[in-house]
């Protein structure tokens, strides 16, 4: 079964936490175990080394007694020379990170340098941090994926809210349509029938019909603001949006109508509510009528 977006986000969060723990453990392990140590003179000549399982970039015969520039790429040699001079001059430990191709594979390293040999050289501790870098990259990739999933989930929630709002409006419009139909299109004919030449049995049937219609319409009447009883369904829809603070332009866009049509509805609403020649604010009146339901 496919995971829901929420489940995928939770799974990604859990995986991120696992990667963070793995990264922290790897960092602690690496900090405790230097992979390589060697000494350099002030002029950058390799004088000694010690290794614990780390593949060497060159064999001891290829670097002992030789200069940095003769062993490693030019740019890296310059970085080591500058950093070693800083360590000797300042008397403080200096740290750099760099990438070097070993056996055809790019490896990432951290080098810490400290002055030694009566300030005539430096001792360099090197650790392979490739695993840490890989975990960090995986973590960043997972975080980007999590952000993408979260953004997608927010978009889905927004779309769902819009659909729910539309469904609510459609439901209200349907209720208003039913109420309007019963009030304006059925009850008037029932009243006419009552005053026609009907027998007692026909009048009794008619009263049952009227009672049943009232039963159907009663929940709609009780839940509707008082102003809706006087308006057509289209006018009610416009009035509800006016009550919510929407402008004529916004209402026209929401209902796919022209601004002129909305203005006509607004005039009809004011007329039916008896405020055509009044300075009464229509939105305030509609909100007040709604609050009394």
C-alpha atoms as a PDB file:
ATOM      1  CA  UNK A   1       0.000   0.000   0.000  1.00  0.00           C
ATOM      2  CA  UNK A   2       1.361   3.456  -0.974  1.00  0.00           C
ATOM      3  CA  UNK A   3       2.241   5.771   1.878  1.00  0.00           C
ATOM      4  CA  UNK A   4       0.236   8.920   2.417  1.00  0.00           C
ATOM      5  CA  UNK A   5       2.116  12.253   2.087  1.00  0.00           C
ATOM      6  CA  UNK A   6       1.949  12.641   5.880  1.00  0.00           C
ATOM      7  CA  UNK A   7       3.463   9.173   6.386  1.00  0.00           C
ATOM      8  CA  UNK A   8       6.232   9.918   3.891  1.00  0.00           C
ATOM      9  CA  UNK A   9       7.100  13.140   5.719  1.00  0.00           C
ATOM     10  CA  UNK A  10       7.212  11.294   9.067  1.00  0.00           C
ATOM     11  CA  UNK A  11       9.407   8.569   7.541  1.00  0.00           C
ATOM     12  CA  UNK A  12      11.769  11.183   6.129  1.00  0.00           C
ATOM     13  CA  UNK A  13      11.999  12.924   9.488  1.00  0.00           C
ATOM     14  CA  UNK A  14      12.850   9.623  11.181  1.00  0.00           C
ATOM     15  CA  UNK A  15      15.467   8.834   8.538  1.00  0.00           C
ATOM     16  CA  UNK A  16      16.980  12.296   8.992  1.00  0.00           C
ATOM     17  CA  UNK A  17      17.250  11.730  12.744  1.00  0.00           C
ATOM     18  CA  UNK A  18      18.959   8.394  12.070  1.00  0.00           C
ATOM     19  CA  UNK A  19      21.422  10.064   9.683  1.00  0.00           C
ATOM     20  CA  UNK A  20      22.159  12.771  12.254  1.00  0.00           C
ATOM     21  CA  UNK A  21      22.927  10.143  14.901  1.00  0.00           C
ATOM     22  CA  UNK A  22      25.112   8.262  12.415  1.00  0.00           C
ATOM     23  CA  UNK A  23      26.957  11.484  11.594  1.00  0.00           C
ATOM     24  CA  UNK A  24      27.564  12.289  15.259  1.00  0.00           C
ATOM     25  CA  UNK A  25      28.872   8.761  15.925  1.00  0.00           C
ATOM     26  CA  UNK A  26      31.151   8.926  12.883  1.00  0.00           C
ATOM     27  CA  UNK A  27      32.545  12.298  13.943  1.00  0.00           C
ATOM     28  CA  UNK A  28      33.317  11.026  17.452  1.00  0.00           C
ATOM     29  CA  UNK A  29      34.981   7.919  16.053  1.00  0.00           C
ATOM     30  CA  UNK A  30      37.088   9.900  13.633  1.00  0.00           C
ATOM     31  CA  UNK A  31      38.148  12.401  16.283  1.00  0.00           C
ATOM     32  CA  UNK A  32      39.520   9.576  18.391  1.00  0.00           C
ATOM     33  CA  UNK A  33      41.499   7.817  15.694  1.00  0.00           C
ATOM     34  CA  UNK A  34      44.055   9.781  13.614  1.00  0.00           C
ATOM     35  CA  UNK A  35      44.731   7.840  10.415  1.00  0.00           C
ATOM     36  CA  UNK A  36      48.081   9.337   9.498  1.00  0.00           C
ATOM     37  CA  UNK A  37      50.785  11.436  11.084  1.00  0.00           C
ATOM     38  CA  UNK A  38      53.863  12.913   9.475  1.00  0.00           C
ATOM     39  CA  UNK A  39      56.350  15.691  10.145  1.00  0.00           C
ATOM     40  CA  UNK A  40      57.472  18.459   7.847  1.00  0.00           C
ATOM     41  CA  UNK A  41      60.359  20.878   8.079  1.00  0.00           C
ATOM     42  CA  UNK A  42      59.770  24.618   7.882  1.00  0.00           C
ATOM     43  CA  UNK A  43      60.562  24.328   4.159  1.00  0.00           C
ATOM     44  CA  UNK A  44      57.941  21.606   3.616  1.00  0.00           C
ATOM     45  CA  UNK A  45      60.219  18.529   3.494  1.00  0.00           C
ATOM     46  CA  UNK A  46      58.764  15.207   4.701  1.00  0.00           C
ATOM     47  CA  UNK A  47      60.919  13.860   7.548  1.00  0.00           C
ATOM     48  CA  UNK A  48      58.870  11.122   9.205  1.00  0.00           C
ATOM     49  CA  UNK A  49      55.451   9.431   9.201  1.00  0.00           C
ATOM     50  CA  UNK A  50      53.180   6.962  11.037  1.00  0.00           C
ATOM     51  CA  UNK A  51      50.089   5.353   9.539  1.00  0.00           C
ATOM     52  CA  UNK A  52      47.236   3.225  10.964  1.00  0.00           C
ATOM     53  CA  UNK A  53      45.455   1.602   8.074  1.00  0.00           C
ATOM     54  CA  UNK A  54      45.048   4.683   5.870  1.00  0.00           C
ATOM     55  CA  UNK A  55      46.076   4.123   2.228  1.00  0.00           C
ATOM     56  CA  UNK A  56      49.050   6.364   1.459  1.00  0.00           C
ATOM     57  CA  UNK A  57      48.926   8.771  -1.454  1.00  0.00           C
ATOM     58  CA  UNK A  58      52.550   7.839  -2.234  1.00  0.00           C
ATOM     59  CA  UNK A  59      54.806   5.113  -0.874  1.00  0.00           C
ATOM     60  CA  UNK A  60      57.306   6.186   1.837  1.00  0.00           C
ATOM     61  CA  UNK A  61      60.119   5.932  -0.696  1.00  0.00           C
ATOM     62  CA  UNK A  62      58.293   8.446  -2.879  1.00  0.00           C
ATOM     63  CA  UNK A  63      57.781  11.155  -0.240  1.00  0.00           C
ATOM     64  CA  UNK A  64      60.289  10.860   2.641  1.00  0.00           C
ATOM     65  CA  UNK A  65      63.010  13.487   2.220  1.00  0.00           C
ATOM     66  CA  UNK A  66      61.103  15.152  -0.585  1.00  0.00           C
ATOM     67  CA  UNK A  67      59.168  18.436  -0.653  1.00  0.00           C
ATOM     68  CA  UNK A  68      55.412  18.876  -0.665  1.00  0.00           C
ATOM     69  CA  UNK A  69      55.448  20.253  -4.201  1.00  0.00           C
ATOM     70  CA  UNK A  70      57.183  17.109  -5.454  1.00  0.00           C
ATOM     71  CA  UNK A  71      54.604  14.795  -3.853  1.00  0.00           C
ATOM     72  CA  UNK A  72      51.112  16.360  -3.923  1.00  0.00           C
ATOM     73  CA  UNK A  73      49.305  18.621  -6.431  1.00  0.00           C
ATOM     74  CA  UNK A  74      50.542  22.210  -6.592  1.00  0.00           C
ATOM     75  CA  UNK A  75      47.423  23.817  -5.083  1.00  0.00           C
ATOM     76  CA  UNK A  76      47.400  21.421  -2.123  1.00  0.00           C
ATOM     77  CA  UNK A  77      51.130  21.914  -1.563  1.00  0.00           C
ATOM     78  CA  UNK A  78      50.624  25.685  -1.373  1.00  0.00           C
ATOM     79  CA  UNK A  79      47.764  25.224   1.113  1.00  0.00           C
ATOM     80  CA  UNK A  80      49.941  23.012   3.342  1.00  0.00           C
ATOM     81  CA  UNK A  81      52.873  25.442   3.167  1.00  0.00           C
ATOM     82  CA  UNK A  82      50.781  28.468   4.154  1.00  0.00           C
ATOM     83  CA  UNK A  83      49.019  26.604   6.948  1.00  0.00           C
ATOM     84  CA  UNK A  84      52.221  25.095   8.364  1.00  0.00           C
ATOM     85  CA  UNK A  85      53.855  28.549   8.472  1.00  0.00           C
ATOM     86  CA  UNK A  86      50.806  29.875  10.342  1.00  0.00           C
ATOM     87  CA  UNK A  87      51.082  27.009  12.845  1.00  0.00           C
ATOM     88  CA  UNK A  88      54.784  27.712  13.430  1.00  0.00           C
ATOM     89  CA  UNK A  89      54.375  31.493  13.644  1.00  0.00           C
ATOM     90  CA  UNK A  90      51.287  31.552  15.857  1.00  0.00           C
ATOM     91  CA  UNK A  91      52.138  28.561  17.993  1.00  0.00           C
ATOM     92  CA  UNK A  92      48.504  27.453  17.644  1.00  0.00           C
ATOM     93  CA  UNK A  93      46.991  24.437  15.994  1.00  0.00           C
ATOM     94  CA  UNK A  94      45.756  25.032  12.447  1.00  0.00           C
ATOM     95  CA  UNK A  95      43.130  22.902  10.689  1.00  0.00           C
ATOM     96  CA  UNK A  96      42.346  22.499   6.999  1.00  0.00           C
ATOM     97  CA  UNK A  97      40.177  20.163   4.920  1.00  0.00           C
ATOM     98  CA  UNK A  98      40.972  19.038   1.406  1.00  0.00           C
ATOM     99  CA  UNK A  99      40.119  16.479  -1.276  1.00  0.00           C
ATOM    100  CA  UNK A 100      42.642  14.163  -2.884  1.00  0.00           C
ATOM    101  CA  UNK A 101      42.266  11.405  -5.473  1.00  0.00           C
ATOM    102  CA  UNK A 102      43.550   8.119  -4.039  1.00  0.00           C
ATOM    103  CA  UNK A 103      43.406   4.927  -6.133  1.00  0.00           C
ATOM    104  CA  UNK A 104      41.105   6.698  -8.596  1.00  0.00           C
ATOM    105  CA  UNK A 105      38.615   7.780  -5.899  1.00  0.00           C
ATOM    106  CA  UNK A 106      38.167  11.257  -4.429  1.00  0.00           C
ATOM    107  CA  UNK A 107      38.747  11.108  -0.665  1.00  0.00           C
ATOM    108  CA  UNK A 108      38.113  13.895   1.831  1.00  0.00           C
ATOM    109  CA  UNK A 109      40.599  14.630   4.604  1.00  0.00           C
ATOM    110  CA  UNK A 110      41.041  16.835   7.654  1.00  0.00           C
ATOM    111  CA  UNK A 111      44.597  17.919   8.527  1.00  0.00           C
ATOM    112  CA  UNK A 112      45.616  19.435  11.874  1.00  0.00           C
ATOM    113  CA  UNK A 113      49.031  21.037  12.139  1.00  0.00           C
ATOM    114  CA  UNK A 114      51.059  22.033  15.189  1.00  0.00           C
ATOM    115  CA  UNK A 115      54.552  23.467  15.476  1.00  0.00           C
ATOM    116  CA  UNK A 116      57.265  21.053  16.617  1.00  0.00           C
ATOM    117  CA  UNK A 117      60.964  20.458  16.562  1.00  0.00           C
ATOM    118  CA  UNK A 118      61.711  23.730  18.412  1.00  0.00           C
ATOM    119  CA  UNK A 119      59.547  25.613  15.911  1.00  0.00           C
ATOM    120  CA  UNK A 120      61.603  24.346  13.005  1.00  0.00           C
ATOM    121  CA  UNK A 121      58.809  22.246  11.592  1.00  0.00           C
ATOM    122  CA  UNK A 122      55.250  20.943  12.038  1.00  0.00           C
ATOM    123  CA  UNK A 123      53.588  17.695  12.953  1.00  0.00           C
ATOM    124  CA  UNK A 124      50.492  16.939  10.862  1.00  0.00           C
ATOM    125  CA  UNK A 125      47.633  14.657  11.935  1.00  0.00           C
ATOM    126  CA  UNK A 126      45.419  13.572   9.049  1.00  0.00           C
ATOM    127  CA  UNK A 127      42.041  11.885   9.237  1.00  0.00           C
ATOM    128  CA  UNK A 128      39.924  10.475   6.417  1.00  0.00           C
ATOM    129  CA  UNK A 129      36.527  12.192   6.767  1.00  0.00           C
ATOM    130  CA  UNK A 130      35.039  10.863   3.523  1.00  0.00           C
ATOM    131  CA  UNK A 131      32.315   8.961   5.385  1.00  0.00           C
ATOM    132  CA  UNK A 132      31.355  12.084   7.352  1.00  0.00           C
ATOM    133  CA  UNK A 133      31.134  14.149   4.167  1.00  0.00           C
ATOM    134  CA  UNK A 134      28.986  11.473   2.510  1.00  0.00           C
ATOM    135  CA  UNK A 135      26.629  11.321   5.485  1.00  0.00           C
ATOM    136  CA  UNK A 136      26.378  15.121   5.516  1.00  0.00           C
ATOM    137  CA  UNK A 137      25.558  15.140   1.802  1.00  0.00           C
ATOM    138  CA  UNK A 138      22.950  12.402   2.308  1.00  0.00           C
ATOM    139  CA  UNK A 139      21.469  14.379   5.170  1.00  0.00           C
ATOM    140  CA  UNK A 140      21.265  17.548   3.094  1.00  0.00           C
ATOM    141  CA  UNK A 141      19.648  15.599   0.252  1.00  0.00           C
ATOM    142  CA  UNK A 142      17.109  14.109   2.657  1.00  0.00           C
ATOM    143  CA  UNK A 143      16.388  17.530   4.111  1.00  0.00           C
ATOM    144  CA  UNK A 144      15.787  18.911   0.623  1.00  0.00           C
ATOM    145  CA  UNK A 145      13.482  15.977  -0.086  1.00  0.00           C
ATOM    146  CA  UNK A 146      11.694  16.577   3.206  1.00  0.00           C
ATOM    147  CA  UNK A 147      11.247  20.256   2.359  1.00  0.00           C
ATOM    148  CA  UNK A 148       9.875  19.283  -1.050  1.00  0.00           C
ATOM    149  CA  UNK A 149       7.474  16.752   0.477  1.00  0.00           C
ATOM    150  CA  UNK A 150       6.376  19.259   3.117  1.00  0.00           C
ATOM    151  CA  UNK A 151       5.774  21.903   0.457  1.00  0.00           C
ATOM    152  CA  UNK A 152       3.746  19.405  -1.586  1.00  0.00           C
ATOM    153  CA  UNK A 153       1.739  18.478   1.494  1.00  0.00           C
ATOM    154  CA  UNK A 154       1.028  22.141   2.233  1.00  0.00           C
ATOM    155  CA  UNK A 155      -0.142  22.620  -1.351  1.00  0.00           C
ATOM    156  CA  UNK A 156      -2.430  19.591  -1.024  1.00  0.00           C
ATOM    157  CA  UNK A 157      -3.832  20.923   2.255  1.00  0.00           C
ATOM    158  CA  UNK A 158      -4.447  24.310   0.633  1.00  0.00           C
ATOM    159  CA  UNK A 159      -6.220  22.669  -2.301  1.00  0.00           C
ATOM    160  CA  UNK A 160      -8.282  20.585   0.121  1.00  0.00           C
ATOM    161  CA  UNK A 161      -9.283  23.687   2.057  1.00  0.00           C
ATOM    162  CA  UNK A 162     -10.384  25.342  -1.188  1.00  0.00           C
ATOM    163  CA  UNK A 163     -12.424  22.265  -2.138  1.00  0.00           C
ATOM    164  CA  UNK A 164     -14.023  22.090   1.307  1.00  0.00           C
ATOM    165  CA  UNK A 165     -14.885  25.770   1.149  1.00  0.00           C
ATOM    166  CA  UNK A 166     -16.423  25.300  -2.300  1.00  0.00           C
ATOM    167  CA  UNK A 167     -18.356  22.272  -1.068  1.00  0.00           C
ATOM    168  CA  UNK A 168     -19.656  24.322   1.842  1.00  0.00           C
ATOM    169  CA  UNK A 169     -20.728  27.097  -0.522  1.00  0.00           C
ATOM    170  CA  UNK A 170     -22.373  24.588  -2.858  1.00  0.00           C
ATOM    171  CA  UNK A 171     -24.231  22.999   0.057  1.00  0.00           C
ATOM    172  CA  UNK A 172     -25.428  26.400   1.234  1.00  0.00           C
ATOM    173  CA  UNK A 173     -26.470  27.321  -2.299  1.00  0.00           C
ATOM    174  CA  UNK A 174     -28.448  24.085  -2.599  1.00  0.00           C
ATOM    175  CA  UNK A 175     -30.205  24.707   0.706  1.00  0.00           C
ATOM    176  CA  UNK A 176     -31.012  28.242  -0.364  1.00  0.00           C
ATOM    177  CA  UNK A 177     -32.331  26.973  -3.707  1.00  0.00           C
ATOM    178  CA  UNK A 178     -34.602  24.469  -1.959  1.00  0.00           C
ATOM    179  CA  UNK A 179     -35.827  27.088   0.474  1.00  0.00           C
ATOM    180  CA  UNK A 180     -36.454  29.599  -2.289  1.00  0.00           C
ATOM    181  CA  UNK A 181     -38.284  27.012  -4.401  1.00  0.00           C
ATOM    182  CA  UNK A 182     -40.566  26.027  -1.528  1.00  0.00           C
ATOM    183  CA  UNK A 183     -41.239  29.622  -0.493  1.00  0.00           C
ATOM    184  CA  UNK A 184     -41.569  31.335  -3.861  1.00  0.00           C
ATOM    185  CA  UNK A 185     -42.653  28.619  -6.275  1.00  0.00           C
ATOM    186  CA  UNK A 186     -44.718  26.151  -4.280  1.00  0.00           C
ATOM    187  CA  UNK A 187     -46.367  27.926  -1.349  1.00  0.00           C
ATOM    188  CA  UNK A 188     -48.075  30.562  -3.521  1.00  0.00           C
ATOM    189  CA  UNK A 189     -49.808  27.804  -5.508  1.00  0.00           C
ATOM    190  CA  UNK A 190     -50.793  25.989  -2.341  1.00  0.00           C
ATOM    191  CA  UNK A 191     -52.439  29.195  -1.145  1.00  0.00           C
ATOM    192  CA  UNK A 192     -54.298  29.510  -4.436  1.00  0.00           C
ATOM    193  CA  UNK A 193     -55.487  25.916  -4.151  1.00  0.00           C
ATOM    194  CA  UNK A 194     -56.731  26.578  -0.615  1.00  0.00           C
ATOM    195  CA  UNK A 195     -59.059  29.263  -1.962  1.00  0.00           C
ATOM    196  CA  UNK A 196     -60.301  27.157  -4.870  1.00  0.00           C
ATOM    197  CA  UNK A 197     -63.260  24.824  -4.881  1.00  0.00           C
ATOM    198  CA  UNK A 198     -61.751  21.830  -3.149  1.00  0.00           C
ATOM    199  CA  UNK A 199     -63.606  19.246  -1.137  1.00  0.00           C
ATOM    200  CA  UNK A 200     -62.788  18.490   2.471  1.00  0.00           C
ATOM    201  CA  UNK A 201     -60.698  15.466   1.490  1.00  0.00           C
ATOM    202  CA  UNK A 202     -58.694  17.467  -1.076  1.00  0.00           C
ATOM    203  CA  UNK A 203     -58.094  20.236   1.504  1.00  0.00           C
ATOM    204  CA  UNK A 204     -56.879  17.646   4.011  1.00  0.00           C
ATOM    205  CA  UNK A 205     -54.460  16.240   1.433  1.00  0.00           C
ATOM    206  CA  UNK A 206     -53.274  19.755   0.655  1.00  0.00           C
ATOM    207  CA  UNK A 207     -52.648  20.479   4.336  1.00  0.00           C
ATOM    208  CA  UNK A 208     -50.583  17.293   4.604  1.00  0.00           C
ATOM    209  CA  UNK A 209     -48.529  18.375   1.592  1.00  0.00           C
ATOM    210  CA  UNK A 210     -48.006  21.839   3.085  1.00  0.00           C
ATOM    211  CA  UNK A 211     -47.049  20.381   6.450  1.00  0.00           C
ATOM    212  CA  UNK A 212     -44.523  18.061   4.880  1.00  0.00           C
ATOM    213  CA  UNK A 213     -43.012  20.890   2.842  1.00  0.00           C
ATOM    214  CA  UNK A 214     -42.687  22.990   5.982  1.00  0.00           C
ATOM    215  CA  UNK A 215     -40.986  20.067   7.708  1.00  0.00           C
ATOM    216  CA  UNK A 216     -38.455  19.874   4.869  1.00  0.00           C
ATOM    217  CA  UNK A 217     -37.850  23.626   4.790  1.00  0.00           C
ATOM    218  CA  UNK A 218     -37.810  24.238   8.570  1.00  0.00           C
ATOM    219  CA  UNK A 219     -34.122  23.285   9.112  1.00  0.00           C
ATOM    220  CA  UNK A 220     -33.148  25.549   6.239  1.00  0.00           C
ATOM    221  CA  UNK A 221     -35.102  28.457   7.659  1.00  0.00           C
ATOM    222  CA  UNK A 222     -33.760  28.001  11.191  1.00  0.00           C
ATOM    223  CA  UNK A 223     -30.136  27.814  10.040  1.00  0.00           C
ATOM    224  CA  UNK A 224     -30.307  30.683   7.566  1.00  0.00           C
ATOM    225  CA  UNK A 225     -29.710  34.337   8.463  1.00  0.00           C
ATOM    226  CA  UNK A 226     -32.923  36.385   8.376  1.00  0.00           C
ATOM    227  CA  UNK A 227     -31.919  38.334   5.281  1.00  0.00           C
ATOM    228  CA  UNK A 228     -31.800  35.155   3.194  1.00  0.00           C
ATOM    229  CA  UNK A 229     -35.561  34.743   3.494  1.00  0.00           C
ATOM    230  CA  UNK A 230     -36.054  37.792   1.304  1.00  0.00           C
ATOM    231  CA  UNK A 231     -33.483  37.093  -1.394  1.00  0.00           C
ATOM    232  CA  UNK A 232     -33.101  34.826  -4.405  1.00  0.00           C
ATOM    233  CA  UNK A 233     -30.395  32.144  -4.252  1.00  0.00           C
ATOM    234  CA  UNK A 234     -28.091  34.220  -6.455  1.00  0.00           C
ATOM    235  CA  UNK A 235     -28.619  37.259  -4.250  1.00  0.00           C
ATOM    236  CA  UNK A 236     -28.007  35.185  -1.142  1.00  0.00           C
ATOM    237  CA  UNK A 237     -24.699  33.978  -2.579  1.00  0.00           C
ATOM    238  CA  UNK A 238     -23.628  37.544  -3.309  1.00  0.00           C
ATOM    239  CA  UNK A 239     -24.883  38.752   0.093  1.00  0.00           C
ATOM    240  CA  UNK A 240     -22.845  36.083   1.898  1.00  0.00           C
ATOM    241  CA  UNK A 241     -19.692  37.211   0.128  1.00  0.00           C
ATOM    242  CA  UNK A 242     -20.452  40.871   0.883  1.00  0.00           C
ATOM    243  CA  UNK A 243     -20.887  39.892   4.530  1.00  0.00           C
ATOM    244  CA  UNK A 244     -17.439  38.238   4.365  1.00  0.00           C
ATOM    245  CA  UNK A 245     -15.895  41.526   3.252  1.00  0.00           C
ATOM    246  CA  UNK A 246     -15.368  40.735  -0.443  1.00  0.00           C
ATOM    247  CA  UNK A 247     -15.344  43.585  -2.975  1.00  0.00           C
ATOM    248  CA  UNK A 248     -17.489  43.646  -6.113  1.00  0.00           C
ATOM    249  CA  UNK A 249     -14.438  42.727  -8.194  1.00  0.00           C
ATOM    250  CA  UNK A 250     -13.508  39.819  -5.896  1.00  0.00           C
ATOM    251  CA  UNK A 251     -17.091  38.516  -5.898  1.00  0.00           C
ATOM    252  CA  UNK A 252     -17.279  38.773  -9.678  1.00  0.00           C
ATOM    253  CA  UNK A 253     -14.073  36.743 -10.020  1.00  0.00           C
ATOM    254  CA  UNK A 254     -15.220  34.105  -7.520  1.00  0.00           C
ATOM    255  CA  UNK A 255     -18.620  33.646  -9.168  1.00  0.00           C
ATOM    256  CA  UNK A 256     -17.391  34.111 -12.763  1.00  0.00           C
ATOM    257  CA  UNK A 257     -19.747  37.045 -13.292  1.00  0.00           C
ATOM    258  CA  UNK A 258     -19.244  40.623 -14.433  1.00  0.00           C
ATOM    259  CA  UNK A 259     -18.750  43.436 -11.948  1.00  0.00           C
ATOM    260  CA  UNK A 260     -21.861  45.103 -13.381  1.00  0.00           C
ATOM    261  CA  UNK A 261     -23.948  42.009 -12.564  1.00  0.00           C
ATOM    262  CA  UNK A 262     -22.651  42.063  -8.980  1.00  0.00           C
ATOM    263  CA  UNK A 263     -23.507  45.768  -8.708  1.00  0.00           C
ATOM    264  CA  UNK A 264     -27.070  44.974  -9.871  1.00  0.00           C
ATOM    265  CA  UNK A 265     -27.368  42.202  -7.262  1.00  0.00           C
ATOM    266  CA  UNK A 266     -26.102  44.616  -4.600  1.00  0.00           C
ATOM    267  CA  UNK A 267     -28.767  47.190  -5.530  1.00  0.00           C
ATOM    268  CA  UNK A 268     -31.501  44.535  -5.448  1.00  0.00           C
ATOM    269  CA  UNK A 269     -30.304  43.316  -2.046  1.00  0.00           C
ATOM    270  CA  UNK A 270     -30.397  46.860  -0.621  1.00  0.00           C
ATOM    271  CA  UNK A 271     -33.887  47.344  -2.064  1.00  0.00           C
ATOM    272  CA  UNK A 272     -35.246  44.090  -0.621  1.00  0.00           C
ATOM    273  CA  UNK A 273     -33.729  44.870   2.779  1.00  0.00           C
ATOM    274  CA  UNK A 274     -35.268  48.330   2.727  1.00  0.00           C
ATOM    275  CA  UNK A 275     -32.081  50.407   2.721  1.00  0.00           C
ATOM    276  CA  UNK A 276     -32.088  51.708  -0.877  1.00  0.00           C
ATOM    277  CA  UNK A 277     -32.127  55.369   0.193  1.00  0.00           C
ATOM    278  CA  UNK A 278     -30.224  54.842   3.421  1.00  0.00           C
ATOM    279  CA  UNK A 279     -26.576  55.298   4.326  1.00  0.00           C
ATOM    280  CA  UNK A 280     -26.674  51.972   6.182  1.00  0.00           C
ATOM    281  CA  UNK A 281     -23.594  49.866   5.514  1.00  0.00           C
ATOM    282  CA  UNK A 282     -24.768  46.707   3.750  1.00  0.00           C
ATOM    283  CA  UNK A 283     -21.995  44.504   5.118  1.00  0.00           C
ATOM    284  CA  UNK A 284     -22.677  45.621   8.691  1.00  0.00           C
ATOM    285  CA  UNK A 285     -26.397  44.940   8.272  1.00  0.00           C
ATOM    286  CA  UNK A 286     -25.785  41.472   6.845  1.00  0.00           C
ATOM    287  CA  UNK A 287     -23.328  40.639   9.644  1.00  0.00           C
ATOM    288  CA  UNK A 288     -25.844  41.822  12.267  1.00  0.00           C
ATOM    289  CA  UNK A 289     -28.606  39.700  10.728  1.00  0.00           C
ATOM    290  CA  UNK A 290     -26.275  36.691  10.696  1.00  0.00           C
ATOM    291  CA  UNK A 291     -25.366  37.155  14.368  1.00  0.00           C
ATOM    292  CA  UNK A 292     -29.029  36.910  15.404  1.00  0.00           C
ATOM    293  CA  UNK A 293     -29.456  33.399  13.936  1.00  0.00           C
END
